[in-house]
Structure formats: C-alpha cells, structure tokens
Amino acid sequence: MNVIRSTATAPARFAAVRAPVAMFARHYSPDSRSEGATASSTGFHEREQAKEAQYVRQREAEKLKAAQKKLDEAKAEFEKQQKVVDSHTK
C-alpha cells in the first residue's frame, strides 16, 4: 500500500511545477505594418540610395584632394631638383 500511495501522490506533488499556460497573447491591429515594411518602402529606399551616393561622392572628393596635394608636392620637388641640376650645368 505504501508504494501505491507514493505513486498516487507524485502527480499531485508536481502539479504546481508544471509550466503555466500562456496567459498573454499579442494582438495586432489589422492595419499595422509587418516587420521590415519600412525598409521595403519606396521612400526609404530612395533616401538610402541618396545617402550612399552622397557618401561615395564625398569619399571620392577626399581622395581627389589627397591625390592633388601629392601631385603638387611632387611638382615642387621636381622643380627644386631641376634648379639644382640647372645650377650644376651652367
């Protein structure tokens, strides 16, 4: 009888440990946008492309300025060396 009683009381003892049934549920209004709807909208896509184009133009302008500065330095060095060569040949 002792064995039967322990098995009969075991489910009652663990009843409180079981996971509770879901009490909350999300309810969305029917006119709400789905996830990612903003990223797929036309206006967002156009703004994103414009920002990317602006960033690329800015980076290209910076690279062009750096290249122009390097060219000016090279020209100045060439002229300096040319003066040295001209002074030795005369």
PDB file of N, CA and C in Angstrom:
ATOM      1  N   MET A   1       0.813  -1.187   0.000  1.00  0.00           N
ATOM      2  CA  MET A   1       0.000   0.000   0.000  1.00  0.00           C
ATOM      3  C   MET A   1       0.858   1.254   0.000  1.00  0.00           C
ATOM      4  N   ASN A   2       1.966   1.186   0.634  1.00  0.00           N
ATOM      5  CA  ASN A   2       2.872   2.317   0.695  1.00  0.00           C
ATOM      6  C   ASN A   2       3.359   2.712  -0.702  1.00  0.00           C
ATOM      7  N   VAL A   3       3.637   1.747  -1.552  1.00  0.00           N
ATOM      8  CA  VAL A   3       4.104   2.017  -2.904  1.00  0.00           C
ATOM      9  C   VAL A   3       2.995   2.654  -3.729  1.00  0.00           C
ATOM     10  N   ILE A   4       1.803   2.166  -3.582  1.00  0.00           N
ATOM     11  CA  ILE A   4       0.684   2.708  -4.346  1.00  0.00           C
ATOM     12  C   ILE A   4       0.408   4.150  -3.935  1.00  0.00           C
ATOM     13  N   ARG A   5       0.485   4.437  -2.677  1.00  0.00           N
ATOM     14  CA  ARG A   5       0.221   5.777  -2.204  1.00  0.00           C
ATOM     15  C   ARG A   5       1.266   6.761  -2.735  1.00  0.00           C
ATOM     16  N   SER A   6       2.548   6.396  -2.765  1.00  0.00           N
ATOM     17  CA  SER A   6       3.589   7.301  -3.235  1.00  0.00           C
ATOM     18  C   SER A   6       3.441   7.596  -4.718  1.00  0.00           C
ATOM     19  N   THR A   7       3.031   6.634  -5.525  1.00  0.00           N
ATOM     20  CA  THR A   7       2.832   6.913  -6.948  1.00  0.00           C
ATOM     21  C   THR A   7       1.567   7.711  -7.178  1.00  0.00           C
ATOM     22  N   ALA A   8       0.578   7.532  -6.308  1.00  0.00           N
ATOM     23  CA  ALA A   8      -0.666   8.281  -6.475  1.00  0.00           C
ATOM     24  C   ALA A   8      -0.483   9.737  -6.077  1.00  0.00           C
ATOM     25  N   THR A   9       0.377  10.013  -5.134  1.00  0.00           N
ATOM     26  CA  THR A   9       0.565  11.397  -4.702  1.00  0.00           C
ATOM     27  C   THR A   9       1.619  12.125  -5.514  1.00  0.00           C
ATOM     28  N   ALA A  10       2.459  11.441  -6.261  1.00  0.00           N
ATOM     29  CA  ALA A  10       3.518  12.085  -7.030  1.00  0.00           C
ATOM     30  C   ALA A  10       2.972  13.073  -8.056  1.00  0.00           C
ATOM     31  N   PRO A  11       1.954  12.730  -8.874  1.00  0.00           N
ATOM     32  CA  PRO A  11       1.456  13.727  -9.826  1.00  0.00           C
ATOM     33  C   PRO A  11       0.866  14.942  -9.139  1.00  0.00           C
ATOM     34  N   ALA A  12       0.236  14.770  -7.996  1.00  0.00           N
ATOM     35  CA  ALA A  12      -0.324  15.907  -7.280  1.00  0.00           C
ATOM     36  C   ALA A  12       0.784  16.801  -6.742  1.00  0.00           C
ATOM     37  N   ARG A  13       1.890  16.197  -6.364  1.00  0.00           N
ATOM     38  CA  ARG A  13       3.006  16.957  -5.833  1.00  0.00           C
ATOM     39  C   ARG A  13       3.676  17.803  -6.918  1.00  0.00           C
ATOM     40  N   PHE A  14       3.775  17.306  -8.141  1.00  0.00           N
ATOM     41  CA  PHE A  14       4.444  18.026  -9.227  1.00  0.00           C
ATOM     42  C   PHE A  14       3.488  18.876 -10.048  1.00  0.00           C
ATOM     43  N   ALA A  15       2.239  18.915  -9.692  1.00  0.00           N
ATOM     44  CA  ALA A  15       1.261  19.690 -10.462  1.00  0.00           C
ATOM     45  C   ALA A  15       1.600  21.180 -10.433  1.00  0.00           C
ATOM     46  N   ALA A  16       2.134  21.663  -9.333  1.00  0.00           N
ATOM     47  CA  ALA A  16       2.454  23.088  -9.224  1.00  0.00           C
ATOM     48  C   ALA A  16       3.717  23.449  -9.995  1.00  0.00           C
ATOM     49  N   VAL A  17       4.548  22.462 -10.338  1.00  0.00           N
ATOM     50  CA  VAL A  17       5.803  22.717 -11.013  1.00  0.00           C
ATOM     51  C   VAL A  17       5.619  22.829 -12.521  1.00  0.00           C
ATOM     52  N   ARG A  18       4.522  22.311 -13.037  1.00  0.00           N
ATOM     53  CA  ARG A  18       4.298  22.339 -14.483  1.00  0.00           C
ATOM     54  C   ARG A  18       4.283  23.775 -14.996  1.00  0.00           C
ATOM     55  N   ALA A  19       4.671  23.933 -16.252  1.00  0.00           N
ATOM     56  CA  ALA A  19       4.697  25.254 -16.865  1.00  0.00           C
ATOM     57  C   ALA A  19       3.282  25.798 -16.995  1.00  0.00           C
ATOM     58  N   PRO A  20       3.079  27.059 -16.687  1.00  0.00           N
ATOM     59  CA  PRO A  20       1.735  27.625 -16.794  1.00  0.00           C
ATOM     60  C   PRO A  20       1.331  27.785 -18.256  1.00  0.00           C
ATOM     61  N   VAL A  21       0.075  27.789 -18.479  1.00  0.00           N
ATOM     62  CA  VAL A  21      -0.464  28.005 -19.814  1.00  0.00           C
ATOM     63  C   VAL A  21      -0.231  29.467 -20.175  1.00  0.00           C
ATOM     64  N   ALA A  22       0.042  29.733 -21.425  1.00  0.00           N
ATOM     65  CA  ALA A  22       0.291  31.110 -21.852  1.00  0.00           C
ATOM     66  C   ALA A  22      -0.900  31.989 -21.508  1.00  0.00           C
ATOM     67  N   MET A  23      -0.627  33.049 -20.786  1.00  0.00           N
ATOM     68  CA  MET A  23      -1.706  33.920 -20.337  1.00  0.00           C
ATOM     69  C   MET A  23      -1.814  35.175 -21.203  1.00  0.00           C
ATOM     70  N   PHE A  24      -0.762  35.509 -21.891  1.00  0.00           N
ATOM     71  CA  PHE A  24      -0.764  36.731 -22.666  1.00  0.00           C
ATOM     72  C   PHE A  24      -0.597  36.398 -24.142  1.00  0.00           C
ATOM     73  N   ALA A  25      -1.272  37.097 -24.958  1.00  0.00           N
ATOM     74  CA  ALA A  25      -1.140  36.930 -26.402  1.00  0.00           C
ATOM     75  C   ALA A  25      -1.057  38.311 -27.021  1.00  0.00           C
ATOM     76  N   ARG A  26      -0.272  38.431 -28.064  1.00  0.00           N
ATOM     77  CA  ARG A  26      -0.156  39.712 -28.754  1.00  0.00           C
ATOM     78  C   ARG A  26      -1.273  39.834 -29.766  1.00  0.00           C
ATOM     79  N   HIS A  27      -1.913  40.948 -29.755  1.00  0.00           N
ATOM     80  CA  HIS A  27      -2.968  41.213 -30.722  1.00  0.00           C
ATOM     81  C   HIS A  27      -2.579  42.477 -31.477  1.00  0.00           C
ATOM     82  N   TYR A  28      -2.393  42.338 -32.763  1.00  0.00           N
ATOM     83  CA  TYR A  28      -2.023  43.467 -33.591  1.00  0.00           C
ATOM     84  C   TYR A  28      -3.267  44.005 -34.289  1.00  0.00           C
ATOM     85  N   SER A  29      -3.267  45.290 -34.475  1.00  0.00           N
ATOM     86  CA  SER A  29      -4.382  45.855 -35.217  1.00  0.00           C
ATOM     87  C   SER A  29      -4.233  45.461 -36.680  1.00  0.00           C
ATOM     88  N   PRO A  30      -5.313  45.328 -37.400  1.00  0.00           N
ATOM     89  CA  PRO A  30      -5.231  44.841 -38.782  1.00  0.00           C
ATOM     90  C   PRO A  30      -4.504  45.780 -39.728  1.00  0.00           C
ATOM     91  N   ASP A  31      -4.413  47.059 -39.416  1.00  0.00           N
ATOM     92  CA  ASP A  31      -3.750  47.992 -40.317  1.00  0.00           C
ATOM     93  C   ASP A  31      -2.282  48.213 -39.968  1.00  0.00           C
ATOM     94  N   SER A  32      -1.737  47.418 -39.044  1.00  0.00           N
ATOM     95  CA  SER A  32      -0.334  47.603 -38.679  1.00  0.00           C
ATOM     96  C   SER A  32       0.553  47.017 -39.761  1.00  0.00           C
ATOM     97  N   ARG A  33       1.737  47.602 -39.908  1.00  0.00           N
ATOM     98  CA  ARG A  33       2.681  47.154 -40.930  1.00  0.00           C
ATOM     99  C   ARG A  33       3.441  45.942 -40.431  1.00  0.00           C
ATOM    100  N   SER A  34       3.833  45.094 -41.336  1.00  0.00           N
ATOM    101  CA  SER A  34       4.604  43.921 -40.949  1.00  0.00           C
ATOM    102  C   SER A  34       6.051  44.333 -40.711  1.00  0.00           C
ATOM    103  N   GLU A  35       6.807  43.457 -40.094  1.00  0.00           N
ATOM    104  CA  GLU A  35       8.215  43.764 -39.819  1.00  0.00           C
ATOM    105  C   GLU A  35       8.955  43.966 -41.124  1.00  0.00           C
ATOM    106  N   GLY A  36       9.818  44.959 -41.165  1.00  0.00           N
ATOM    107  CA  GLY A  36      10.597  45.231 -42.361  1.00  0.00           C
ATOM    108  C   GLY A  36       9.856  46.049 -43.399  1.00  0.00           C
ATOM    109  N   ALA A  37       8.661  46.482 -43.107  1.00  0.00           N
ATOM    110  CA  ALA A  37       7.891  47.247 -44.091  1.00  0.00           C
ATOM    111  C   ALA A  37       8.552  48.586 -44.361  1.00  0.00           C
ATOM    112  N   THR A  38       9.189  49.174 -43.359  1.00  0.00           N
ATOM    113  CA  THR A  38       9.856  50.459 -43.558  1.00  0.00           C
ATOM    114  C   THR A  38      11.014  50.316 -44.533  1.00  0.00           C
ATOM    115  N   ALA A  39      11.796  49.249 -44.369  1.00  0.00           N
ATOM    116  CA  ALA A  39      12.956  49.059 -45.231  1.00  0.00           C
ATOM    117  C   ALA A  39      12.558  48.756 -46.663  1.00  0.00           C
ATOM    118  N   SER A  40      11.377  48.235 -46.874  1.00  0.00           N
ATOM    119  CA  SER A  40      10.964  47.910 -48.237  1.00  0.00           C
ATOM    120  C   SER A  40      10.156  49.032 -48.882  1.00  0.00           C
ATOM    121  N   SER A  41       9.892  50.092 -48.151  1.00  0.00           N
ATOM    122  CA  SER A  41       9.111  51.185 -48.722  1.00  0.00           C
ATOM    123  C   SER A  41       9.954  51.947 -49.747  1.00  0.00           C
ATOM    124  N   THR A  42       9.296  52.552 -50.704  1.00  0.00           N
ATOM    125  CA  THR A  42       9.983  53.257 -51.787  1.00  0.00           C
ATOM    126  C   THR A  42      10.740  54.476 -51.271  1.00  0.00           C
ATOM    127  N   GLY A  43      10.120  55.254 -50.400  1.00  0.00           N
ATOM    128  CA  GLY A  43      10.766  56.470 -49.885  1.00  0.00           C
ATOM    129  C   GLY A  43      12.035  56.152 -49.129  1.00  0.00           C
ATOM    130  N   PHE A  44      11.990  55.126 -48.306  1.00  0.00           N
ATOM    131  CA  PHE A  44      13.183  54.729 -47.547  1.00  0.00           C
ATOM    132  C   PHE A  44      14.280  54.287 -48.494  1.00  0.00           C
ATOM    133  N   HIS A  45      13.920  53.523 -49.510  1.00  0.00           N
ATOM    134  CA  HIS A  45      14.909  53.016 -50.472  1.00  0.00           C
ATOM    135  C   HIS A  45      15.576  54.177 -51.216  1.00  0.00           C
ATOM    136  N   GLU A  46      14.799  55.153 -51.611  1.00  0.00           N
ATOM    137  CA  GLU A  46      15.352  56.306 -52.328  1.00  0.00           C
ATOM    138  C   GLU A  46      16.279  57.129 -51.431  1.00  0.00           C
ATOM    139  N   ARG A  47      15.862  57.341 -50.168  1.00  0.00           N
ATOM    140  CA  ARG A  47      16.720  58.089 -49.238  1.00  0.00           C
ATOM    141  C   ARG A  47      18.016  57.337 -48.983  1.00  0.00           C
ATOM    142  N   GLU A  48      17.911  56.025 -48.856  1.00  0.00           N
ATOM    143  CA  GLU A  48      19.104  55.219 -48.610  1.00  0.00           C
ATOM    144  C   GLU A  48      20.076  55.317 -49.782  1.00  0.00           C
ATOM    145  N   GLN A  49      19.558  55.237 -51.000  1.00  0.00           N
ATOM    146  CA  GLN A  49      20.412  55.360 -52.180  1.00  0.00           C
ATOM    147  C   GLN A  49      21.037  56.753 -52.264  1.00  0.00           C
ATOM    148  N   ALA A  50      20.284  57.775 -51.922  1.00  0.00           N
ATOM    149  CA  ALA A  50      20.816  59.137 -51.958  1.00  0.00           C
ATOM    150  C   ALA A  50      21.932  59.308 -50.936  1.00  0.00           C
ATOM    151  N   LYS A  51      21.762  58.759 -49.741  1.00  0.00           N
ATOM    152  CA  LYS A  51      22.806  58.836 -48.710  1.00  0.00           C
ATOM    153  C   LYS A  51      24.061  58.100 -49.159  1.00  0.00           C
ATOM    154  N   GLU A  52      23.875  56.922 -49.762  1.00  0.00           N
ATOM    155  CA  GLU A  52      25.035  56.162 -50.235  1.00  0.00           C
ATOM    156  C   GLU A  52      25.770  56.929 -51.329  1.00  0.00           C
ATOM    157  N   ALA A  53      25.029  57.507 -52.261  1.00  0.00           N
ATOM    158  CA  ALA A  53      25.640  58.276 -53.343  1.00  0.00           C
ATOM    159  C   ALA A  53      26.389  59.486 -52.792  1.00  0.00           C
ATOM    160  N   GLN A  54      25.796  60.155 -51.811  1.00  0.00           N
ATOM    161  CA  GLN A  54      26.449  61.311 -51.186  1.00  0.00           C
ATOM    162  C   GLN A  54      27.739  60.883 -50.506  1.00  0.00           C
ATOM    163  N   TYR A  55      27.711  59.769 -49.801  1.00  0.00           N
ATOM    164  CA  TYR A  55      28.906  59.266 -49.122  1.00  0.00           C
ATOM    165  C   TYR A  55      30.005  58.934 -50.128  1.00  0.00           C
ATOM    166  N   VAL A  56      29.639  58.289 -51.237  1.00  0.00           N
ATOM    167  CA  VAL A  56      30.630  57.926 -52.260  1.00  0.00           C
ATOM    168  C   VAL A  56      31.231  59.183 -52.879  1.00  0.00           C
ATOM    169  N   ARG A  57      30.395  60.173 -53.190  1.00  0.00           N
ATOM    170  CA  ARG A  57      30.919  61.424 -53.772  1.00  0.00           C
ATOM    171  C   ARG A  57      31.871  62.127 -52.802  1.00  0.00           C
ATOM    172  N   GLN A  58      31.514  62.117 -51.526  1.00  0.00           N
ATOM    173  CA  GLN A  58      32.361  62.756 -50.517  1.00  0.00           C
ATOM    174  C   GLN A  58      33.710  62.037 -50.418  1.00  0.00           C
ATOM    175  N   ARG A  59      33.683  60.729 -50.400  1.00  0.00           N
ATOM    176  CA  ARG A  59      34.939  59.950 -50.314  1.00  0.00           C
ATOM    177  C   ARG A  59      35.796  60.172 -51.564  1.00  0.00           C
ATOM    178  N   GLU A  60      35.169  60.212 -52.732  1.00  0.00           N
ATOM    179  CA  GLU A  60      35.918  60.457 -53.964  1.00  0.00           C
ATOM    180  C   GLU A  60      36.532  61.852 -53.969  1.00  0.00           C
ATOM    181  N   ALA A  61      35.813  62.837 -53.455  1.00  0.00           N
ATOM    182  CA  ALA A  61      36.341  64.203 -53.377  1.00  0.00           C
ATOM    183  C   ALA A  61      37.548  64.252 -52.438  1.00  0.00           C
ATOM    184  N   GLU A  62      37.470  63.533 -51.316  1.00  0.00           N
ATOM    185  CA  GLU A  62      38.603  63.491 -50.382  1.00  0.00           C
ATOM    186  C   GLU A  62      39.815  62.827 -51.032  1.00  0.00           C
ATOM    187  N   LYS A  63      39.586  61.749 -51.754  1.00  0.00           N
ATOM    188  CA  LYS A  63      40.687  61.062 -52.435  1.00  0.00           C
ATOM    189  C   LYS A  63      41.290  61.949 -53.519  1.00  0.00           C
ATOM    190  N   LEU A  64      40.450  62.686 -54.237  1.00  0.00           N
ATOM    191  CA  LEU A  64      40.931  63.584 -55.280  1.00  0.00           C
ATOM    192  C   LEU A  64      41.783  64.708 -54.689  1.00  0.00           C
ATOM    193  N   LYS A  65      41.334  65.267 -53.553  1.00  0.00           N
ATOM    194  CA  LYS A  65      42.131  66.302 -52.881  1.00  0.00           C
ATOM    195  C   LYS A  65      43.476  65.765 -52.436  1.00  0.00           C
ATOM    196  N   ALA A  66      43.486  64.542 -51.895  1.00  0.00           N
ATOM    197  CA  ALA A  66      44.745  63.936 -51.446  1.00  0.00           C
ATOM    198  C   ALA A  66      45.673  63.698 -52.623  1.00  0.00           C
ATOM    199  N   ALA A  67      45.127  63.237 -53.754  1.00  0.00           N
ATOM    200  CA  ALA A  67      45.943  62.995 -54.946  1.00  0.00           C
ATOM    201  C   ALA A  67      46.488  64.309 -55.502  1.00  0.00           C
ATOM    202  N   GLN A  68      45.662  65.357 -55.496  1.00  0.00           N
ATOM    203  CA  GLN A  68      46.098  66.667 -55.987  1.00  0.00           C
ATOM    204  C   GLN A  68      47.222  67.225 -55.109  1.00  0.00           C
ATOM    205  N   LYS A  69      47.087  67.066 -53.797  1.00  0.00           N
ATOM    206  CA  LYS A  69      48.120  67.523 -52.868  1.00  0.00           C
ATOM    207  C   LYS A  69      49.427  66.776 -53.111  1.00  0.00           C
ATOM    208  N   LYS A  70      49.321  65.474 -53.323  1.00  0.00           N
ATOM    209  CA  LYS A  70      50.513  64.659 -53.584  1.00  0.00           C
ATOM    210  C   LYS A  70      51.177  65.080 -54.905  1.00  0.00           C
ATOM    211  N   LEU A  71      50.365  65.374 -55.912  1.00  0.00           N
ATOM    212  CA  LEU A  71      50.893  65.823 -57.203  1.00  0.00           C
ATOM    213  C   LEU A  71      51.597  67.171 -57.064  1.00  0.00           C
ATOM    214  N   ASP A  72      50.995  68.090 -56.306  1.00  0.00           N
ATOM    215  CA  ASP A  72      51.620  69.401 -56.096  1.00  0.00           C
ATOM    216  C   ASP A  72      52.964  69.266 -55.381  1.00  0.00           C
ATOM    217  N   GLU A  73      53.010  68.362 -54.390  1.00  0.00           N
ATOM    218  CA  GLU A  73      54.278  68.131 -53.682  1.00  0.00           C
ATOM    219  C   GLU A  73      55.326  67.544 -54.619  1.00  0.00           C
ATOM    220  N   ALA A  74      54.911  66.641 -55.492  1.00  0.00           N
ATOM    221  CA  ALA A  74      55.845  66.034 -56.444  1.00  0.00           C
ATOM    222  C   ALA A  74      56.345  67.078 -57.441  1.00  0.00           C
ATOM    223  N   LYS A  75      55.456  67.960 -57.900  1.00  0.00           N
ATOM    224  CA  LYS A  75      55.875  69.024 -58.821  1.00  0.00           C
ATOM    225  C   LYS A  75      56.872  69.962 -58.142  1.00  0.00           C
ATOM    226  N   ALA A  76      56.602  70.317 -56.899  1.00  0.00           N
ATOM    227  CA  ALA A  76      57.507  71.206 -56.172  1.00  0.00           C
ATOM    228  C   ALA A  76      58.881  70.546 -56.012  1.00  0.00           C
ATOM    229  N   GLU A  77      58.895  69.272 -55.686  1.00  0.00           N
ATOM    230  CA  GLU A  77      60.169  68.551 -55.545  1.00  0.00           C
ATOM    231  C   GLU A  77      60.895  68.478 -56.885  1.00  0.00           C
ATOM    232  N   PHE A  78      60.146  68.249 -57.977  1.00  0.00           N
ATOM    233  CA  PHE A  78      60.759  68.194 -59.302  1.00  0.00           C
ATOM    234  C   PHE A  78      61.395  69.531 -59.661  1.00  0.00           C
ATOM    235  N   GLU A  79      60.670  70.611 -59.414  1.00  0.00           N
ATOM    236  CA  GLU A  79      61.210  71.935 -59.722  1.00  0.00           C
ATOM    237  C   GLU A  79      62.454  72.234 -58.896  1.00  0.00           C
ATOM    238  N   LYS A  80      62.435  71.812 -57.645  1.00  0.00           N
ATOM    239  CA  LYS A  80      63.598  72.005 -56.773  1.00  0.00           C
ATOM    240  C   LYS A  80      64.805  71.254 -57.318  1.00  0.00           C
ATOM    241  N   GLN A  81      64.593  70.002 -57.707  1.00  0.00           N
ATOM    242  CA  GLN A  81      65.698  69.191 -58.252  1.00  0.00           C
ATOM    243  C   GLN A  81      66.152  69.736 -59.612  1.00  0.00           C
ATOM    244  N   GLN A  82      65.203  70.245 -60.383  1.00  0.00           N
ATOM    245  CA  GLN A  82      65.552  70.813 -61.690  1.00  0.00           C
ATOM    246  C   GLN A  82      66.443  72.036 -61.530  1.00  0.00           C
ATOM    247  N   LYS A  83      66.172  72.861 -60.529  1.00  0.00           N
ATOM    248  CA  LYS A  83      67.019  74.029 -60.256  1.00  0.00           C
ATOM    249  C   LYS A  83      68.416  73.594 -59.877  1.00  0.00           C
ATOM    250  N   VAL A  84      68.533  72.537 -59.088  1.00  0.00           N
ATOM    251  CA  VAL A  84      69.830  72.033 -58.689  1.00  0.00           C
ATOM    252  C   VAL A  84      70.602  71.556 -59.914  1.00  0.00           C
ATOM    253  N   VAL A  85      69.935  70.823 -60.790  1.00  0.00           N
ATOM    254  CA  VAL A  85      70.585  70.318 -61.987  1.00  0.00           C
ATOM    255  C   VAL A  85      70.984  71.467 -62.907  1.00  0.00           C
ATOM    256  N   ASP A  86      70.118  72.456 -63.067  1.00  0.00           N
ATOM    257  CA  ASP A  86      70.416  73.598 -63.914  1.00  0.00           C
ATOM    258  C   ASP A  86      71.599  74.401 -63.373  1.00  0.00           C
ATOM    259  N   SER A  87      71.700  74.511 -62.056  1.00  0.00           N
ATOM    260  CA  SER A  87      72.796  75.288 -61.480  1.00  0.00           C
ATOM    261  C   SER A  87      74.144  74.560 -61.663  1.00  0.00           C
ATOM    262  N   HIS A  88      74.131  73.236 -61.734  1.00  0.00           N
ATOM    263  CA  HIS A  88      75.378  72.495 -61.941  1.00  0.00           C
ATOM    264  C   HIS A  88      75.784  72.438 -63.402  1.00  0.00           C
ATOM    265  N   THR A  89      74.855  72.590 -64.313  1.00  0.00           N
ATOM    266  CA  THR A  89      75.177  72.503 -65.734  1.00  0.00           C
ATOM    267  C   THR A  89      75.648  73.836 -66.307  1.00  0.00           C
ATOM    268  N   LYS A  90      75.409  74.919 -65.668  1.00  0.00           N
ATOM    269  CA  LYS A  90      75.812  76.216 -66.200  1.00  0.00           C
ATOM    270  C   LYS A  90      77.188  76.570 -65.839  1.00  0.00           C
TER     271      LYS A  90
END
